[in-house]
Amino acid sequence: MTRHRLDQLPFDNRYAQLPAEFYHRIPPQPLAGLHLIHFNADAAALIGLDPEEARRPGFVERLSGEQALPGSEPLAMCYSGHQFGQYVPRLGDGRAILLGQVRNAHGQLWDLHLKGGGQTRYSRQGDGRAVLRSSIREYLCSEAMHGLGIATTRALCLIGSREQVQRETLEPAALLLRMAPSHVRFGSFEYFCHTNQHQQLRTLAEYVIEHFYPDLAGHAQPYHQLLQRAVISTAQLIAQWQGVGFAHGVMNSDNMAILGLTLDYGPFGFLDTYQAGYICNHSDPQGRYAFDQQPDVGLFNLGCLASAMLPLLADDQPQAITAARAILDGYWPAFHQAMIAIARRKLGLLHEDPQDLVLWHALLQIMEGQADYTILFHQLCEFDRHDLENNQALRDQFIDRAAFDGWAQRYAQRLAAEHSDDAARRDRMRTANPKYILRNYLAEQAIRRAEDHGDYSEIDTLLTILRRPYDEQPEHEHYAAYPPAWAQTIEVSCSS
C-alpha cells in the first residue's frame, strides 16, 4: 500500500484550473498556539498518507497554513444558495479553504478542505473561524455517518488553538480538515446561473461530469443525466437519514452536495424519543428543516438546482422547464423505493408486500412521543413472533401498551406469512438497526471535557464506538443507554 509523506502528497488541483470566477485564491490565516487534537488514520488511508506523518514536526504547521504545504493551491470556493427558502446571491467559503486535491492510487480525487482557516472575500463580516465545539461535533458526526454506511464528507484531523473567538461567548478556535471527492454544491450551479454566467455554468457541469461521472461524457444529453443523478442520489441519501433518525438541521441549497453526500454538519441531531416533527436547530423555530420535512426540502433544493441548470437542458426555456420537471418527477419514486427498502431491512422482512409501508408508518405513529428511535429498533431485532408475551422489553417502551400489542400481532402475522426464520431475521436486523449513534449528549460530554480540561480522550472513545455502530461492544454498553434527563436542555444552533 502506498504511503506518502505529507510533503509528497500527489496533488492534482483540478478545481484550481477552472476560471478565476470559481474561487478566491487565498492562503489560510494561521492561529496561535496550534496543537493536534486528533488524527484519523482511516481517512488518511484514502489519500495514501502515512499515519506516522501526524507525529512528525511540521504536520500541524503545514495543514493549518502556518507553513506552505507543497503542491497545495489554497482557494475559497464561490457559490450562492437558498437559505431558509430565501435566495442569497453570493455566499461562498466564508470560513473554509480548499487547500487542494489529492489523487489517490485508485485515481480518485479527494478535496482537502480546511474549515476555520480565516476570512475570505465571502466571509460577509464573519471572522472566518470555527470554534472547538462545532469542530468536534463535525469531526465525530462525519465519521459516525460513515460508520452507518451513509455517504458523507470525512475528517482527516482536528487541530486546536489557544486563540478565542466571539460567538454567544468567547470560545476556543479550532481547525477541521475535512475530505470529500468534491465540495461542489447545488448553490455552485445557482451562482453561475443567476449571475448569467452560462458558459461558466456549463464549465462547472463539465467539470463534475469529467471527474465524477465520466460515463456521461459521451451521452446524448449529459446535463439531463447529471441532474437525474443528483435527483436519485439525493433521494436515496435523505431516505438513509430518515432510516437512522438523523436530522441535518440546515438543509439550505448551498449545503447540498452535487454528489449526494452529507455535507456541512452544523446543528444536526439524531432522534432520541421519536418525534416526527423533531427540530434540532434552535435557529429554526418555524421547523422548516424539521425531521419529517427533510424529504420535502430535498425536492425543494433539487428544484433550485434544476432551475439553475435550465440553460444547459435546452435553448428553448419552455422545453428546458419541461425536461427539468420530468427529471424532478423521479424524486418521489426514488425516495419511496429507497425508504421502503430501508423499512423492510429494519423490520427484517425479506419479501415485498404492498402493506409493508403501512406497517412501518403504523409503528412510527405509536412510537410518537413514547419510544426511543434507536433503542426500539435495536430491541425489535429480538422480537418473538411465536410467543408475544416474551416481548415485554419492547412493550415497556410504550405508555400505550395496547397500541403496541395490536401492532405486534400484525407484525407477527406478516413474519409468519413469509415463514421468517427468527435467527436469520435477527442477524439481518442487527445489520440494519444500529445500537450506537452520536446522540447530542455524547458529543456534549466530549466537548465539555475538551473545553474545560483539555481532555480529548472522549473523542477517541466515541470514534472507536461509532465506527462499529451495529456491533454489540459490551465494554461500551452504557453508550447505548437512554439519554440522561439533562440531555433535553442541550440546544444547538447555526453557530454550532
Foldseek 3Di string as FASTA:
>chain_A
DAADAQLPFAFDFPVVVADPVFWAFDFFDAFAAKDFLDFDVVVCVVRRHDPCNNVDPPPCCCLLRVDPRHPWGKIKGWFWFQFLNRTDQTATQQQKIFRGWGQHPVRFIKTWMKGQRAGDPRNVPPGSFAFPLQQLVVQLAQLLCVLLVAFAKHWGTKMWHPDWDDDVHTGTTIMTTIMDSDLDFLRSLLNCLVVVVVVVSVVVLVVCCVRPVVVLVPPPQSLLVLLLQQLLLQLLNLLSCLLQQKFQQTVIRSQHHSNNGGGDRFQIFGFFQQALQAHSAPACVVSCRGSVNVLVVSLVSSVSSLVSCLVSRDVDNVVSVVSSVVSSVVNVVSNVVSNLVLQCLLLLHDDDDPCSVVLSVLVSVQSHPFATPQVLSLLSLQQDLVDNVVSVVNLVSGPPSVSVVVSSPVSSVNCVVVPHDSVVSSVSNLSSRFLAGPGPVLSVVQVCCCRVPVDNVSSVVSSVCSSNRSDCPVVPNVNSDRDDPCSVVDHTHNSD
